[in-house]
């Protein structure tokens, strides 16, 4: 029994919703698609005609271009939602001192 497969990655273009065309890696063995935002596709599938058997770890695979499209939209939204504000240690200390002064 086998727990994996020997992927044969080739570079392929997919037409997606809203007129978007994406070039990414496509496995001709299993028909899986890689997210070009999660993986450096230049290393995985450098050629459009010569299959690459590069091992890909911790990747996100998709069965259809539509699934990939929704995933890529989530990447864009995540950058909007994920805006983090870093509070330096000095700011934290001054905020704690102000709270102590107010309590006294």
PDB file of N, CA and C in Angstrom:
ATOM      1  N   UNK A   1       0.840  -1.172   0.000  1.00  0.00           N
ATOM      2  CA  UNK A   1       0.000   0.000   0.000  1.00  0.00           C
ATOM      3  C   UNK A   1       0.890   1.241   0.000  1.00  0.00           C
ATOM      4  N   UNK A   2       0.506   2.228  -0.758  1.00  0.00           N
ATOM      5  CA  UNK A   2       1.301   3.433  -0.911  1.00  0.00           C
ATOM      6  C   UNK A   2       0.591   4.623  -0.268  1.00  0.00           C
ATOM      7  N   UNK A   3       1.374   5.489   0.390  1.00  0.00           N
ATOM      8  CA  UNK A   3       0.810   6.671   1.038  1.00  0.00           C
ATOM      9  C   UNK A   3       1.098   7.936   0.252  1.00  0.00           C
ATOM     10  N   UNK A   4       1.669   7.829  -0.893  1.00  0.00           N
ATOM     11  CA  UNK A   4       2.002   9.002  -1.690  1.00  0.00           C
ATOM     12  C   UNK A   4       1.966   8.666  -3.163  1.00  0.00           C
ATOM     13  N   UNK A   5       2.429   9.576  -3.961  1.00  0.00           N
ATOM     14  CA  UNK A   5       2.480   9.369  -5.388  1.00  0.00           C
ATOM     15  C   UNK A   5       3.688  10.111  -5.923  1.00  0.00           C
ATOM     16  N   UNK A   6       4.102   9.766  -7.099  1.00  0.00           N
ATOM     17  CA  UNK A   6       5.192  10.482  -7.745  1.00  0.00           C
ATOM     18  C   UNK A   6       4.570  11.538  -8.643  1.00  0.00           C
ATOM     19  N   UNK A   7       4.609  12.735  -8.152  1.00  0.00           N
ATOM     20  CA  UNK A   7       4.001  13.837  -8.892  1.00  0.00           C
ATOM     21  C   UNK A   7       4.838  14.179 -10.127  1.00  0.00           C
ATOM     22  N   UNK A   8       4.151  14.593 -11.160  1.00  0.00           N
ATOM     23  CA  UNK A   8       4.798  15.063 -12.398  1.00  0.00           C
ATOM     24  C   UNK A   8       4.242  16.452 -12.675  1.00  0.00           C
ATOM     25  N   UNK A   9       4.958  17.465 -12.168  1.00  0.00           N
ATOM     26  CA  UNK A   9       4.499  18.846 -12.248  1.00  0.00           C
ATOM     27  C   UNK A   9       4.885  19.486 -13.568  1.00  0.00           C
ATOM     28  N   UNK A  10       3.921  20.116 -14.201  1.00  0.00           N
ATOM     29  CA  UNK A  10       4.168  20.939 -15.385  1.00  0.00           C
ATOM     30  C   UNK A  10       3.498  22.290 -15.154  1.00  0.00           C
ATOM     31  N   UNK A  11       4.023  23.310 -15.821  1.00  0.00           N
ATOM     32  CA  UNK A  11       3.448  24.644 -15.691  1.00  0.00           C
ATOM     33  C   UNK A  11       2.271  24.756 -16.652  1.00  0.00           C
ATOM     34  N   UNK A  12       1.166  25.299 -16.139  1.00  0.00           N
ATOM     35  CA  UNK A  12      -0.049  25.393 -16.948  1.00  0.00           C
ATOM     36  C   UNK A  12      -0.814  26.664 -16.586  1.00  0.00           C
ATOM     37  N   UNK A  13      -1.494  27.243 -17.574  1.00  0.00           N
ATOM     38  CA  UNK A  13      -2.325  28.427 -17.346  1.00  0.00           C
ATOM     39  C   UNK A  13      -3.777  28.005 -17.190  1.00  0.00           C
ATOM     40  N   UNK A  14      -4.446  28.651 -16.243  1.00  0.00           N
ATOM     41  CA  UNK A  14      -5.855  28.392 -15.994  1.00  0.00           C
ATOM     42  C   UNK A  14      -6.616  29.697 -16.119  1.00  0.00           C
ATOM     43  N   UNK A  15      -7.746  29.661 -16.821  1.00  0.00           N
ATOM     44  CA  UNK A  15      -8.638  30.813 -16.867  1.00  0.00           C
ATOM     45  C   UNK A  15      -9.639  30.653 -15.748  1.00  0.00           C
ATOM     46  N   UNK A  16      -9.753  31.709 -14.953  1.00  0.00           N
ATOM     47  CA  UNK A  16     -10.611  31.652 -13.783  1.00  0.00           C
ATOM     48  C   UNK A  16     -11.735  32.662 -13.901  1.00  0.00           C
ATOM     49  N   UNK A  17     -12.490  32.755 -12.841  1.00  0.00           N
ATOM     50  CA  UNK A  17     -13.602  33.704 -12.797  1.00  0.00           C
ATOM     51  C   UNK A  17     -13.088  35.131 -12.902  1.00  0.00           C
ATOM     52  N   UNK A  18     -13.955  36.019 -13.298  1.00  0.00           N
ATOM     53  CA  UNK A  18     -13.671  37.441 -13.407  1.00  0.00           C
ATOM     54  C   UNK A  18     -12.544  37.751 -14.390  1.00  0.00           C
ATOM     55  N   UNK A  19     -12.315  36.861 -15.373  1.00  0.00           N
ATOM     56  CA  UNK A  19     -11.325  37.098 -16.412  1.00  0.00           C
ATOM     57  C   UNK A  19      -9.882  36.976 -15.970  1.00  0.00           C
ATOM     58  N   UNK A  20      -9.632  36.360 -14.836  1.00  0.00           N
ATOM     59  CA  UNK A  20      -8.282  36.209 -14.309  1.00  0.00           C
ATOM     60  C   UNK A  20      -7.641  34.970 -14.923  1.00  0.00           C
ATOM     61  N   UNK A  21      -6.377  35.107 -15.351  1.00  0.00           N
ATOM     62  CA  UNK A  21      -5.621  33.974 -15.875  1.00  0.00           C
ATOM     63  C   UNK A  21      -4.408  33.766 -14.978  1.00  0.00           C
ATOM     64  N   UNK A  22      -4.247  32.551 -14.461  1.00  0.00           N
ATOM     65  CA  UNK A  22      -3.185  32.228 -13.513  1.00  0.00           C
ATOM     66  C   UNK A  22      -2.304  31.139 -14.095  1.00  0.00           C
ATOM     67  N   UNK A  23      -0.998  31.306 -13.929  1.00  0.00           N
ATOM     68  CA  UNK A  23      -0.049  30.264 -14.325  1.00  0.00           C
ATOM     69  C   UNK A  23       0.475  29.615 -13.055  1.00  0.00           C
ATOM     70  N   UNK A  24       0.348  28.300 -12.965  1.00  0.00           N
ATOM     71  CA  UNK A  24       0.773  27.578 -11.777  1.00  0.00           C
ATOM     72  C   UNK A  24       1.176  26.154 -12.150  1.00  0.00           C
ATOM     73  N   UNK A  25       1.479  25.345 -11.146  1.00  0.00           N
ATOM     74  CA  UNK A  25       1.899  23.957 -11.360  1.00  0.00           C
ATOM     75  C   UNK A  25       0.687  23.029 -11.344  1.00  0.00           C
ATOM     76  N   UNK A  26       0.704  22.098 -12.283  1.00  0.00           N
ATOM     77  CA  UNK A  26      -0.378  21.130 -12.439  1.00  0.00           C
ATOM     78  C   UNK A  26       0.250  19.745 -12.473  1.00  0.00           C
ATOM     79  N   UNK A  27      -0.265  18.833 -11.668  1.00  0.00           N
ATOM     80  CA  UNK A  27       0.249  17.468 -11.638  1.00  0.00           C
ATOM     81  C   UNK A  27      -0.500  16.625 -12.661  1.00  0.00           C
ATOM     82  N   UNK A  28       0.219  16.125 -13.662  1.00  0.00           N
ATOM     83  CA  UNK A  28      -0.439  15.331 -14.710  1.00  0.00           C
ATOM     84  C   UNK A  28      -0.798  13.930 -14.220  1.00  0.00           C
ATOM     85  N   UNK A  29      -0.256  13.512 -13.072  1.00  0.00           N
ATOM     86  CA  UNK A  29      -0.579  12.207 -12.508  1.00  0.00           C
ATOM     87  C   UNK A  29      -1.910  12.235 -11.766  1.00  0.00           C
ATOM     88  N   UNK A  30      -2.092  13.234 -10.902  1.00  0.00           N
ATOM     89  CA  UNK A  30      -3.277  13.265 -10.042  1.00  0.00           C
ATOM     90  C   UNK A  30      -4.246  14.406 -10.363  1.00  0.00           C
ATOM     91  N   UNK A  31      -3.890  15.288 -11.287  1.00  0.00           N
ATOM     92  CA  UNK A  31      -4.699  16.459 -11.674  1.00  0.00           C
ATOM     93  C   UNK A  31      -4.830  17.487 -10.550  1.00  0.00           C
ATOM     94  N   UNK A  32      -3.883  17.507  -9.633  1.00  0.00           N
ATOM     95  CA  UNK A  32      -3.905  18.489  -8.560  1.00  0.00           C
ATOM     96  C   UNK A  32      -3.228  19.775  -9.017  1.00  0.00           C
ATOM     97  N   UNK A  33      -3.641  20.886  -8.405  1.00  0.00           N
ATOM     98  CA  UNK A  33      -3.132  22.214  -8.753  1.00  0.00           C
ATOM     99  C   UNK A  33      -2.526  22.827  -7.496  1.00  0.00           C
ATOM    100  N   UNK A  34      -1.382  23.502  -7.646  1.00  0.00           N
ATOM    101  CA  UNK A  34      -0.734  24.182  -6.529  1.00  0.00           C
ATOM    102  C   UNK A  34      -1.076  25.663  -6.533  1.00  0.00           C
ATOM    103  N   UNK A  35      -1.099  26.253  -5.344  1.00  0.00           N
ATOM    104  CA  UNK A  35      -1.315  27.692  -5.220  1.00  0.00           C
ATOM    105  C   UNK A  35       0.005  28.411  -5.499  1.00  0.00           C
ATOM    106  N   UNK A  36       0.051  29.305  -6.493  1.00  0.00           N
ATOM    107  CA  UNK A  36       1.297  30.007  -6.790  1.00  0.00           C
ATOM    108  C   UNK A  36       1.669  31.062  -5.749  1.00  0.00           C
ATOM    109  N   UNK A  37       0.771  31.379  -4.839  1.00  0.00           N
ATOM    110  CA  UNK A  37       1.083  32.322  -3.772  1.00  0.00           C
ATOM    111  C   UNK A  37       1.703  31.620  -2.563  1.00  0.00           C
ATOM    112  N   UNK A  38       1.413  30.343  -2.404  1.00  0.00           N
ATOM    113  CA  UNK A  38       1.940  29.573  -1.278  1.00  0.00           C
ATOM    114  C   UNK A  38       3.287  28.927  -1.597  1.00  0.00           C
ATOM    115  N   UNK A  39       3.519  28.616  -2.863  1.00  0.00           N
ATOM    116  CA  UNK A  39       4.711  27.881  -3.293  1.00  0.00           C
ATOM    117  C   UNK A  39       5.415  28.654  -4.397  1.00  0.00           C
ATOM    118  N   UNK A  40       6.733  28.587  -4.425  1.00  0.00           N
ATOM    119  CA  UNK A  40       7.508  29.173  -5.513  1.00  0.00           C
ATOM    120  C   UNK A  40       7.436  28.217  -6.705  1.00  0.00           C
ATOM    121  N   UNK A  41       6.588  28.515  -7.668  1.00  0.00           N
ATOM    122  CA  UNK A  41       6.362  27.590  -8.778  1.00  0.00           C
ATOM    123  C   UNK A  41       7.562  27.492  -9.711  1.00  0.00           C
ATOM    124  N   UNK A  42       8.456  28.463  -9.688  1.00  0.00           N
ATOM    125  CA  UNK A  42       9.654  28.406 -10.533  1.00  0.00           C
ATOM    126  C   UNK A  42      10.570  27.260 -10.126  1.00  0.00           C
ATOM    127  N   UNK A  43      10.552  26.901  -8.849  1.00  0.00           N
ATOM    128  CA  UNK A  43      11.365  25.785  -8.367  1.00  0.00           C
ATOM    129  C   UNK A  43      10.670  24.444  -8.572  1.00  0.00           C
ATOM    130  N   UNK A  44       9.350  24.437  -8.472  1.00  0.00           N
ATOM    131  CA  UNK A  44       8.608  23.179  -8.563  1.00  0.00           C
ATOM    132  C   UNK A  44       8.425  22.742 -10.012  1.00  0.00           C
ATOM    133  N   UNK A  45       8.030  23.658 -10.870  1.00  0.00           N
ATOM    134  CA  UNK A  45       7.747  23.301 -12.261  1.00  0.00           C
ATOM    135  C   UNK A  45       8.317  24.370 -13.205  1.00  0.00           C
ATOM    136  N   UNK A  46       9.591  24.295 -13.513  1.00  0.00           N
ATOM    137  CA  UNK A  46      10.196  25.326 -14.360  1.00  0.00           C
ATOM    138  C   UNK A  46       9.787  25.262 -15.826  1.00  0.00           C
ATOM    139  N   UNK A  47       9.266  24.127 -16.281  1.00  0.00           N
ATOM    140  CA  UNK A  47       8.979  23.956 -17.704  1.00  0.00           C
ATOM    141  C   UNK A  47       7.508  23.680 -17.968  1.00  0.00           C
ATOM    142  N   UNK A  48       7.050  24.080 -19.161  1.00  0.00           N
ATOM    143  CA  UNK A  48       5.669  23.786 -19.557  1.00  0.00           C
ATOM    144  C   UNK A  48       5.561  22.431 -20.251  1.00  0.00           C
ATOM    145  N   UNK A  49       6.680  21.900 -20.701  1.00  0.00           N
ATOM    146  CA  UNK A  49       6.616  20.638 -21.439  1.00  0.00           C
ATOM    147  C   UNK A  49       7.310  19.481 -20.720  1.00  0.00           C
ATOM    148  N   UNK A  50       8.382  19.741 -20.009  1.00  0.00           N
ATOM    149  CA  UNK A  50       9.150  18.702 -19.324  1.00  0.00           C
ATOM    150  C   UNK A  50       8.656  18.541 -17.890  1.00  0.00           C
ATOM    151  N   UNK A  51       8.055  17.381 -17.533  1.00  0.00           N
ATOM    152  CA  UNK A  51       7.541  17.196 -16.168  1.00  0.00           C
ATOM    153  C   UNK A  51       8.666  17.177 -15.132  1.00  0.00           C
ATOM    154  N   UNK A  52       8.379  17.773 -13.979  1.00  0.00           N
ATOM    155  CA  UNK A  52       9.315  17.807 -12.862  1.00  0.00           C
ATOM    156  C   UNK A  52       8.777  16.919 -11.751  1.00  0.00           C
ATOM    157  N   UNK A  53       9.663  16.184 -11.104  1.00  0.00           N
ATOM    158  CA  UNK A  53       9.246  15.314  -9.998  1.00  0.00           C
ATOM    159  C   UNK A  53       9.676  15.892  -8.654  1.00  0.00           C
ATOM    160  N   UNK A  54       9.722  17.195  -8.566  1.00  0.00           N
ATOM    161  CA  UNK A  54      10.121  17.869  -7.337  1.00  0.00           C
ATOM    162  C   UNK A  54       9.138  17.547  -6.216  1.00  0.00           C
ATOM    163  N   UNK A  55       9.696  17.214  -5.044  1.00  0.00           N
ATOM    164  CA  UNK A  55       8.850  16.956  -3.879  1.00  0.00           C
ATOM    165  C   UNK A  55       8.415  18.274  -3.275  1.00  0.00           C
ATOM    166  N   UNK A  56       7.139  18.378  -2.971  1.00  0.00           N
ATOM    167  CA  UNK A  56       6.580  19.599  -2.400  1.00  0.00           C
ATOM    168  C   UNK A  56       6.038  19.260  -1.019  1.00  0.00           C
ATOM    169  N   UNK A  57       6.600  19.917  -0.013  1.00  0.00           N
ATOM    170  CA  UNK A  57       6.106  19.678   1.348  1.00  0.00           C
ATOM    171  C   UNK A  57       5.330  20.893   1.826  1.00  0.00           C
ATOM    172  N   UNK A  58       4.397  20.656   2.661  1.00  0.00           N
ATOM    173  CA  UNK A  58       3.511  21.675   3.239  1.00  0.00           C
ATOM    174  C   UNK A  58       2.911  22.596   2.186  1.00  0.00           C
ATOM    175  N   UNK A  59       2.349  21.993   1.176  1.00  0.00           N
ATOM    176  CA  UNK A  59       1.712  22.759   0.098  1.00  0.00           C
ATOM    177  C   UNK A  59       0.199  22.667   0.225  1.00  0.00           C
ATOM    178  N   UNK A  60      -0.471  23.561  -0.477  1.00  0.00           N
ATOM    179  CA  UNK A  60      -1.923  23.527  -0.539  1.00  0.00           C
ATOM    180  C   UNK A  60      -2.306  23.087  -1.940  1.00  0.00           C
ATOM    181  N   UNK A  61      -3.024  21.963  -2.030  1.00  0.00           N
ATOM    182  CA  UNK A  61      -3.418  21.393  -3.312  1.00  0.00           C
ATOM    183  C   UNK A  61      -4.898  21.670  -3.568  1.00  0.00           C
ATOM    184  N   UNK A  62      -5.247  21.780  -4.847  1.00  0.00           N
ATOM    185  CA  UNK A  62      -6.637  22.027  -5.217  1.00  0.00           C
ATOM    186  C   UNK A  62      -7.043  21.099  -6.351  1.00  0.00           C
ATOM    187  N   UNK A  63      -8.337  20.750  -6.349  1.00  0.00           N
ATOM    188  CA  UNK A  63      -8.876  19.872  -7.375  1.00  0.00           C
ATOM    189  C   UNK A  63      -9.347  20.631  -8.605  1.00  0.00           C
ATOM    190  N   UNK A  64      -9.720  21.886  -8.436  1.00  0.00           N
ATOM    191  CA  UNK A  64     -10.257  22.643  -9.565  1.00  0.00           C
ATOM    192  C   UNK A  64      -9.737  24.084  -9.538  1.00  0.00           C
ATOM    193  N   UNK A  65      -9.731  24.733 -10.693  1.00  0.00           N
ATOM    194  CA  UNK A  65      -9.334  26.141 -10.740  1.00  0.00           C
ATOM    195  C   UNK A  65     -10.255  27.037  -9.906  1.00  0.00           C
ATOM    196  N   UNK A  66     -11.517  26.658  -9.776  1.00  0.00           N
ATOM    197  CA  UNK A  66     -12.444  27.443  -8.976  1.00  0.00           C
ATOM    198  C   UNK A  66     -12.039  27.438  -7.497  1.00  0.00           C
ATOM    199  N   UNK A  67     -11.635  26.261  -7.010  1.00  0.00           N
ATOM    200  CA  UNK A  67     -11.173  26.169  -5.623  1.00  0.00           C
ATOM    201  C   UNK A  67      -9.930  27.035  -5.418  1.00  0.00           C
ATOM    202  N   UNK A  68      -9.015  26.984  -6.369  1.00  0.00           N
ATOM    203  CA  UNK A  68      -7.805  27.800  -6.298  1.00  0.00           C
ATOM    204  C   UNK A  68      -8.153  29.284  -6.309  1.00  0.00           C
ATOM    205  N   UNK A  69      -9.112  29.680  -7.129  1.00  0.00           N
ATOM    206  CA  UNK A  69      -9.530  31.074  -7.214  1.00  0.00           C
ATOM    207  C   UNK A  69     -10.036  31.583  -5.865  1.00  0.00           C
ATOM    208  N   UNK A  70     -10.878  30.790  -5.202  1.00  0.00           N
ATOM    209  CA  UNK A  70     -11.410  31.181  -3.892  1.00  0.00           C
ATOM    210  C   UNK A  70     -10.294  31.256  -2.848  1.00  0.00           C
ATOM    211  N   UNK A  71      -9.350  30.337  -2.930  1.00  0.00           N
ATOM    212  CA  UNK A  71      -8.214  30.346  -2.015  1.00  0.00           C
ATOM    213  C   UNK A  71      -7.374  31.609  -2.214  1.00  0.00           C
ATOM    214  N   UNK A  72      -7.151  31.992  -3.468  1.00  0.00           N
ATOM    215  CA  UNK A  72      -6.341  33.174  -3.760  1.00  0.00           C
ATOM    216  C   UNK A  72      -7.069  34.457  -3.326  1.00  0.00           C
ATOM    217  N   UNK A  73      -8.379  34.466  -3.433  1.00  0.00           N
ATOM    218  CA  UNK A  73      -9.147  35.619  -2.928  1.00  0.00           C
ATOM    219  C   UNK A  73      -9.014  35.713  -1.415  1.00  0.00           C
ATOM    220  N   UNK A  74      -8.950  34.563  -0.756  1.00  0.00           N
ATOM    221  CA  UNK A  74      -8.757  34.562   0.694  1.00  0.00           C
ATOM    222  C   UNK A  74      -7.382  35.130   1.049  1.00  0.00           C
ATOM    223  N   UNK A  75      -6.370  34.872   0.224  1.00  0.00           N
ATOM    224  CA  UNK A  75      -5.050  35.478   0.434  1.00  0.00           C
ATOM    225  C   UNK A  75      -5.171  36.999   0.431  1.00  0.00           C
ATOM    226  N   UNK A  76      -5.896  37.532  -0.534  1.00  0.00           N
ATOM    227  CA  UNK A  76      -6.053  38.987  -0.647  1.00  0.00           C
ATOM    228  C   UNK A  76      -6.812  39.537   0.552  1.00  0.00           C
ATOM    229  N   UNK A  77      -7.856  38.877   0.968  1.00  0.00           N
ATOM    230  CA  UNK A  77      -8.637  39.342   2.119  1.00  0.00           C
ATOM    231  C   UNK A  77      -7.839  39.224   3.407  1.00  0.00           C
ATOM    232  N   UNK A  78      -7.020  38.177   3.503  1.00  0.00           N
ATOM    233  CA  UNK A  78      -6.230  37.978   4.706  1.00  0.00           C
ATOM    234  C   UNK A  78      -5.259  39.141   4.899  1.00  0.00           C
ATOM    235  N   UNK A  79      -4.723  39.673   3.814  1.00  0.00           N
ATOM    236  CA  UNK A  79      -3.815  40.802   3.956  1.00  0.00           C
ATOM    237  C   UNK A  79      -4.577  42.043   4.428  1.00  0.00           C
ATOM    238  N   UNK A  80      -5.850  42.154   4.071  1.00  0.00           N
ATOM    239  CA  UNK A  80      -6.662  43.266   4.563  1.00  0.00           C
ATOM    240  C   UNK A  80      -7.005  43.087   6.040  1.00  0.00           C
ATOM    241  N   UNK A  81      -7.418  41.858   6.397  1.00  0.00           N
ATOM    242  CA  UNK A  81      -7.843  41.595   7.765  1.00  0.00           C
ATOM    243  C   UNK A  81      -6.661  41.451   8.710  1.00  0.00           C
ATOM    244  N   UNK A  82      -5.548  40.983   8.179  1.00  0.00           N
ATOM    245  CA  UNK A  82      -4.411  40.627   9.023  1.00  0.00           C
ATOM    246  C   UNK A  82      -3.498  41.780   9.358  1.00  0.00           C
ATOM    247  N   UNK A  83      -3.942  43.004   9.183  1.00  0.00           N
ATOM    248  CA  UNK A  83      -3.089  44.141   9.523  1.00  0.00           C
ATOM    249  C   UNK A  83      -2.903  44.166  11.034  1.00  0.00           C
ATOM    250  N   UNK A  84      -1.706  43.875  11.437  1.00  0.00           N
ATOM    251  CA  UNK A  84      -1.407  43.827  12.861  1.00  0.00           C
ATOM    252  C   UNK A  84      -0.650  45.081  13.258  1.00  0.00           C
ATOM    253  N   UNK A  85      -0.963  45.566  14.406  1.00  0.00           N
ATOM    254  CA  UNK A  85      -0.269  46.721  14.942  1.00  0.00           C
ATOM    255  C   UNK A  85       0.648  46.234  16.050  1.00  0.00           C
ATOM    256  N   UNK A  86       1.930  46.463  15.895  1.00  0.00           N
ATOM    257  CA  UNK A  86       2.911  46.000  16.857  1.00  0.00           C
ATOM    258  C   UNK A  86       3.095  47.085  17.911  1.00  0.00           C
ATOM    259  N   UNK A  87       2.948  46.687  19.147  1.00  0.00           N
ATOM    260  CA  UNK A  87       3.159  47.605  20.256  1.00  0.00           C
ATOM    261  C   UNK A  87       4.539  47.314  20.822  1.00  0.00           C
ATOM    262  N   UNK A  88       5.380  48.294  20.833  1.00  0.00           N
ATOM    263  CA  UNK A  88       6.732  48.084  21.355  1.00  0.00           C
ATOM    264  C   UNK A  88       6.681  47.917  22.861  1.00  0.00           C
ATOM    265  N   UNK A  89       7.752  47.391  23.436  1.00  0.00           N
ATOM    266  CA  UNK A  89       7.794  47.165  24.873  1.00  0.00           C
ATOM    267  C   UNK A  89       7.734  48.482  25.632  1.00  0.00           C
ATOM    268  N   UNK A  90       8.333  49.535  25.074  1.00  0.00           N
ATOM    269  CA  UNK A  90       8.308  50.833  25.738  1.00  0.00           C
ATOM    270  C   UNK A  90       6.872  51.349  25.858  1.00  0.00           C
ATOM    271  N   UNK A  91       6.082  51.183  24.798  1.00  0.00           N
ATOM    272  CA  UNK A  91       4.696  51.636  24.833  1.00  0.00           C
ATOM    273  C   UNK A  91       3.893  50.841  25.844  1.00  0.00           C
ATOM    274  N   UNK A  92       4.171  49.525  25.941  1.00  0.00           N
ATOM    275  CA  UNK A  92       3.469  48.684  26.898  1.00  0.00           C
ATOM    276  C   UNK A  92       3.790  49.130  28.321  1.00  0.00           C
ATOM    277  N   UNK A  93       5.076  49.431  28.604  1.00  0.00           N
ATOM    278  CA  UNK A  93       5.480  49.841  29.937  1.00  0.00           C
ATOM    279  C   UNK A  93       4.843  51.179  30.318  1.00  0.00           C
ATOM    280  N   UNK A  94       4.814  52.124  29.378  1.00  0.00           N
ATOM    281  CA  UNK A  94       4.226  53.426  29.685  1.00  0.00           C
ATOM    282  C   UNK A  94       2.719  53.292  29.908  1.00  0.00           C
ATOM    283  N   UNK A  95       2.063  52.390  29.184  1.00  0.00           N
ATOM    284  CA  UNK A  95       0.628  52.171  29.377  1.00  0.00           C
ATOM    285  C   UNK A  95       0.367  51.564  30.754  1.00  0.00           C
ATOM    286  N   UNK A  96       1.249  50.658  31.204  1.00  0.00           N
ATOM    287  CA  UNK A  96       1.092  50.050  32.525  1.00  0.00           C
ATOM    288  C   UNK A  96       1.299  51.095  33.619  1.00  0.00           C
ATOM    289  N   UNK A  97       2.293  51.978  33.422  1.00  0.00           N
ATOM    290  CA  UNK A  97       2.555  53.034  34.414  1.00  0.00           C
ATOM    291  C   UNK A  97       1.364  53.988  34.512  1.00  0.00           C
ATOM    292  N   UNK A  98       0.753  54.310  33.388  1.00  0.00           N
ATOM    293  CA  UNK A  98      -0.417  55.196  33.398  1.00  0.00           C
ATOM    294  C   UNK A  98      -1.580  54.556  34.146  1.00  0.00           C
ATOM    295  N   UNK A  99      -1.764  53.246  33.950  1.00  0.00           N
ATOM    296  CA  UNK A  99      -2.836  52.544  34.646  1.00  0.00           C
ATOM    297  C   UNK A  99      -2.599  52.553  36.150  1.00  0.00           C
ATOM    298  N   UNK A 100      -1.321  52.376  36.556  1.00  0.00           N
ATOM    299  CA  UNK A 100      -0.993  52.369  37.975  1.00  0.00           C
ATOM    300  C   UNK A 100      -1.244  53.751  38.585  1.00  0.00           C
ATOM    301  N   UNK A 101      -0.880  54.832  37.844  1.00  0.00           N
ATOM    302  CA  UNK A 101      -1.095  56.187  38.329  1.00  0.00           C
ATOM    303  C   UNK A 101      -2.587  56.476  38.499  1.00  0.00           C
ATOM    304  N   UNK A 102      -3.397  55.977  37.582  1.00  0.00           N
ATOM    305  CA  UNK A 102      -4.842  56.205  37.671  1.00  0.00           C
ATOM    306  C   UNK A 102      -5.455  55.451  38.850  1.00  0.00           C
ATOM    307  N   UNK A 103      -4.916  54.262  39.146  1.00  0.00           N
ATOM    308  CA  UNK A 103      -5.443  53.447  40.232  1.00  0.00           C
ATOM    309  C   UNK A 103      -5.110  54.061  41.585  1.00  0.00           C
ATOM    310  N   UNK A 104      -4.046  54.798  41.659  1.00  0.00           N
ATOM    311  CA  UNK A 104      -3.596  55.360  42.954  1.00  0.00           C
ATOM    312  C   UNK A 104      -4.312  56.604  43.312  1.00  0.00           C
TER     313      UNK A 104
END
